[in-house]
């Protein structure tokens, strides 16, 4: 992995200025509680429901199904738009708002990694239902809320 430029100065402070790589830094700074939580983001769970595929760590309950029906009922809704909105993830929401080390290069690195993970896992789990995974990078690199990942089934693209 290419080290985001915004992390280079942090890594170079270690070892009396000799620096360390990301894995060594992680072994000094990380913890198992965070690592466990990251599993839910970097190893997403998916569920097929009717003609949809959704990213969810919980079984679909009555409230989730009601939300799906609400999105379906909106004017102009398509199967693609329903999957997109339910599956979208703002990369910034992985951590708390106001996190002081946020930067566009980190959001891009995370977003691109998640895109690859989603593509691989969706293809593996649903080989007969190919999906488009989109990582949106805003024009204004400081619009941190707008770095978003989502996916939908390619078969739904003809309905837009």
Protein backbone atom coordinates (compact mmCIF):
# COMPACT_ATOMS: atom_id res chain seq x y z
CA UNK A 1 0.00 0.00 0.00
CA UNK A 2 1.21 3.47 -0.81
CA UNK A 3 1.50 5.55 2.34
CA UNK A 4 -0.83 8.56 2.18
CA UNK A 5 1.27 11.76 2.18
CA UNK A 6 -0.64 13.02 5.23
CA UNK A 7 0.80 10.09 7.25
CA UNK A 8 4.42 10.42 6.17
CA UNK A 9 5.33 12.98 8.84
CA UNK A 10 3.73 10.84 11.59
CA UNK A 11 5.65 7.75 10.51
CA UNK A 12 8.93 9.62 10.16
CA UNK A 13 8.83 10.71 13.85
CA UNK A 14 9.42 7.15 15.05
CA UNK A 15 12.79 5.48 15.73
CA UNK A 16 14.58 8.76 16.47
CA UNK A 17 13.55 10.12 13.09
CA UNK A 18 14.38 6.98 11.08
CA UNK A 19 10.67 6.29 10.69
CA UNK A 20 8.62 3.11 10.52
CA UNK A 21 6.27 1.49 8.03
CA UNK A 22 2.51 1.27 8.43
CA UNK A 23 2.49 -2.24 9.86
CA UNK A 24 5.05 -1.36 12.54
CA UNK A 25 3.15 1.85 13.37
CA UNK A 26 -0.07 -0.14 13.69
CA UNK A 27 1.57 -2.57 16.09
CA UNK A 28 2.48 0.42 18.28
CA UNK A 29 -0.70 2.45 18.00
CA UNK A 30 -3.59 0.04 17.33
CA UNK A 31 -5.71 -2.01 19.68
CA UNK A 32 -7.78 -5.15 19.41
CA UNK A 33 -11.08 -3.41 20.09
CA UNK A 34 -10.61 -1.21 17.04
CA UNK A 35 -9.35 -4.15 14.98
CA UNK A 36 -12.46 -6.10 15.88
CA UNK A 37 -14.71 -3.21 14.88
CA UNK A 38 -12.83 -2.76 11.60
CA UNK A 39 -13.74 -6.32 10.66
CA UNK A 40 -17.34 -5.13 10.23
CA UNK A 41 -16.19 -2.51 7.73
CA UNK A 42 -13.45 -4.38 5.88
CA UNK A 43 -15.22 -7.75 5.82
CA UNK A 44 -18.78 -6.64 5.03
CA UNK A 45 -21.70 -9.00 5.24
CA UNK A 46 -24.26 -9.13 2.46
CA UNK A 47 -27.79 -10.50 2.25
CA UNK A 48 -30.02 -11.25 -0.72
CA UNK A 49 -33.58 -10.05 -0.23
CA UNK A 50 -36.16 -10.45 -2.97
CA UNK A 51 -34.43 -8.99 -6.06
CA UNK A 52 -31.90 -6.99 -4.03
CA UNK A 53 -28.49 -7.40 -2.43
CA UNK A 54 -27.83 -5.34 0.68
CA UNK A 55 -24.80 -4.81 2.89
CA UNK A 56 -25.89 -5.46 6.45
CA UNK A 57 -24.41 -7.01 9.55
CA UNK A 58 -27.87 -7.83 10.93
CA UNK A 59 -30.71 -9.94 9.53
CA UNK A 60 -33.38 -7.81 7.87
CA UNK A 61 -36.03 -7.13 10.46
CA UNK A 62 -39.46 -5.51 10.07
CA UNK A 63 -37.99 -1.99 10.38
CA UNK A 64 -35.39 -2.66 7.67
CA UNK A 65 -38.06 -4.04 5.34
CA UNK A 66 -40.26 -1.03 6.06
CA UNK A 67 -37.32 1.25 5.13
CA UNK A 68 -36.84 -0.67 1.87
CA UNK A 69 -40.54 -0.26 1.06
CA UNK A 70 -40.28 3.45 1.83
CA UNK A 71 -37.42 3.90 -0.64
CA UNK A 72 -39.29 1.84 -3.24
CA UNK A 73 -42.35 4.10 -2.85
CA UNK A 74 -40.44 7.32 -3.53
CA UNK A 75 -41.18 8.99 -6.84
CA UNK A 76 -38.68 7.91 -9.49
CA UNK A 77 -37.33 5.03 -7.41
CA UNK A 78 -35.71 2.18 -9.29
CA UNK A 79 -34.19 -1.06 -8.03
CA UNK A 80 -30.77 0.55 -8.65
CA UNK A 81 -31.62 3.65 -6.60
CA UNK A 82 -32.99 1.53 -3.75
CA UNK A 83 -29.83 -0.59 -3.63
CA UNK A 84 -27.62 2.50 -3.95
CA UNK A 85 -29.19 4.43 -1.09
CA UNK A 86 -29.45 1.50 1.32
CA UNK A 87 -25.91 0.32 0.54
CA UNK A 88 -24.13 3.67 0.53
CA UNK A 89 -21.41 4.37 3.06
CA UNK A 90 -19.89 7.76 3.79
CA UNK A 91 -16.22 6.92 4.34
CA UNK A 92 -15.99 9.68 6.96
CA UNK A 93 -18.54 7.78 9.10
CA UNK A 94 -16.01 5.03 9.82
CA UNK A 95 -14.76 7.34 12.58
CA UNK A 96 -16.27 10.11 14.66
CA UNK A 97 -17.07 13.48 13.17
CA UNK A 98 -14.32 15.97 13.84
CA UNK A 99 -11.57 13.33 13.82
CA UNK A 100 -8.45 15.52 13.74
CA UNK A 101 -6.40 13.42 11.32
CA UNK A 102 -8.96 13.25 8.51
CA UNK A 103 -7.59 14.02 5.06
CA UNK A 104 -8.62 13.39 1.48
CA UNK A 105 -5.64 11.12 0.79
CA UNK A 106 -6.65 8.83 3.66
CA UNK A 107 -10.30 8.79 2.57
CA UNK A 108 -9.23 7.91 -0.97
CA UNK A 109 -6.95 5.10 0.24
CA UNK A 110 -9.72 3.65 2.43
CA UNK A 111 -12.39 4.09 -0.24
CA UNK A 112 -10.33 2.40 -2.93
CA UNK A 113 -9.53 -0.52 -0.59
CA UNK A 114 -13.19 -0.93 0.32
CA UNK A 115 -14.17 -0.82 -3.36
CA UNK A 116 -11.80 -3.71 -4.10
CA UNK A 117 -13.06 -5.67 -1.08
CA UNK A 118 -16.72 -5.17 -2.01
CA UNK A 119 -16.07 -6.11 -5.65
CA UNK A 120 -14.27 -9.31 -4.70
CA UNK A 121 -16.71 -10.40 -2.01
CA UNK A 122 -19.84 -9.63 -4.03
CA UNK A 123 -18.43 -11.52 -7.05
CA UNK A 124 -17.59 -14.48 -4.81
CA UNK A 125 -20.93 -14.59 -2.97
CA UNK A 126 -23.20 -13.69 -5.90
CA UNK A 127 -21.49 -14.91 -9.10
CA UNK A 128 -24.79 -14.89 -11.00
CA UNK A 129 -25.63 -11.33 -9.93
CA UNK A 130 -22.75 -9.09 -11.02
CA UNK A 131 -22.60 -5.76 -9.24
CA UNK A 132 -21.21 -2.32 -9.91
CA UNK A 133 -19.27 -0.93 -6.95
CA UNK A 134 -18.77 2.83 -7.08
CA UNK A 135 -16.43 4.90 -4.97
CA UNK A 136 -17.35 8.56 -5.44
CA UNK A 137 -14.59 11.12 -4.96
CA UNK A 138 -15.90 14.70 -4.83
CA UNK A 139 -14.46 17.48 -6.98
CA UNK A 140 -13.68 19.50 -3.86
CA UNK A 141 -11.23 17.27 -1.98
CA UNK A 142 -12.22 18.88 1.34
CA UNK A 143 -15.89 17.83 1.05
CA UNK A 144 -15.14 14.92 3.34
CA UNK A 145 -18.81 13.91 3.70
CA UNK A 146 -19.05 13.30 -0.03
CA UNK A 147 -16.52 10.45 -0.25
CA UNK A 148 -19.01 7.62 -0.64
CA UNK A 149 -19.03 3.96 -1.53
CA UNK A 150 -22.08 2.10 -2.78
CA UNK A 151 -23.09 -0.75 -5.03
CA UNK A 152 -25.99 -2.08 -7.05
CA UNK A 153 -26.62 -5.00 -9.35
CA UNK A 154 -25.75 -4.46 -12.99
CA UNK A 155 -29.10 -5.94 -13.96
CA UNK A 156 -30.75 -2.91 -12.30
CA UNK A 157 -28.88 -0.44 -14.54
CA UNK A 158 -31.35 -0.97 -17.39
CA UNK A 159 -34.14 0.40 -15.17
CA UNK A 160 -32.62 3.88 -14.76
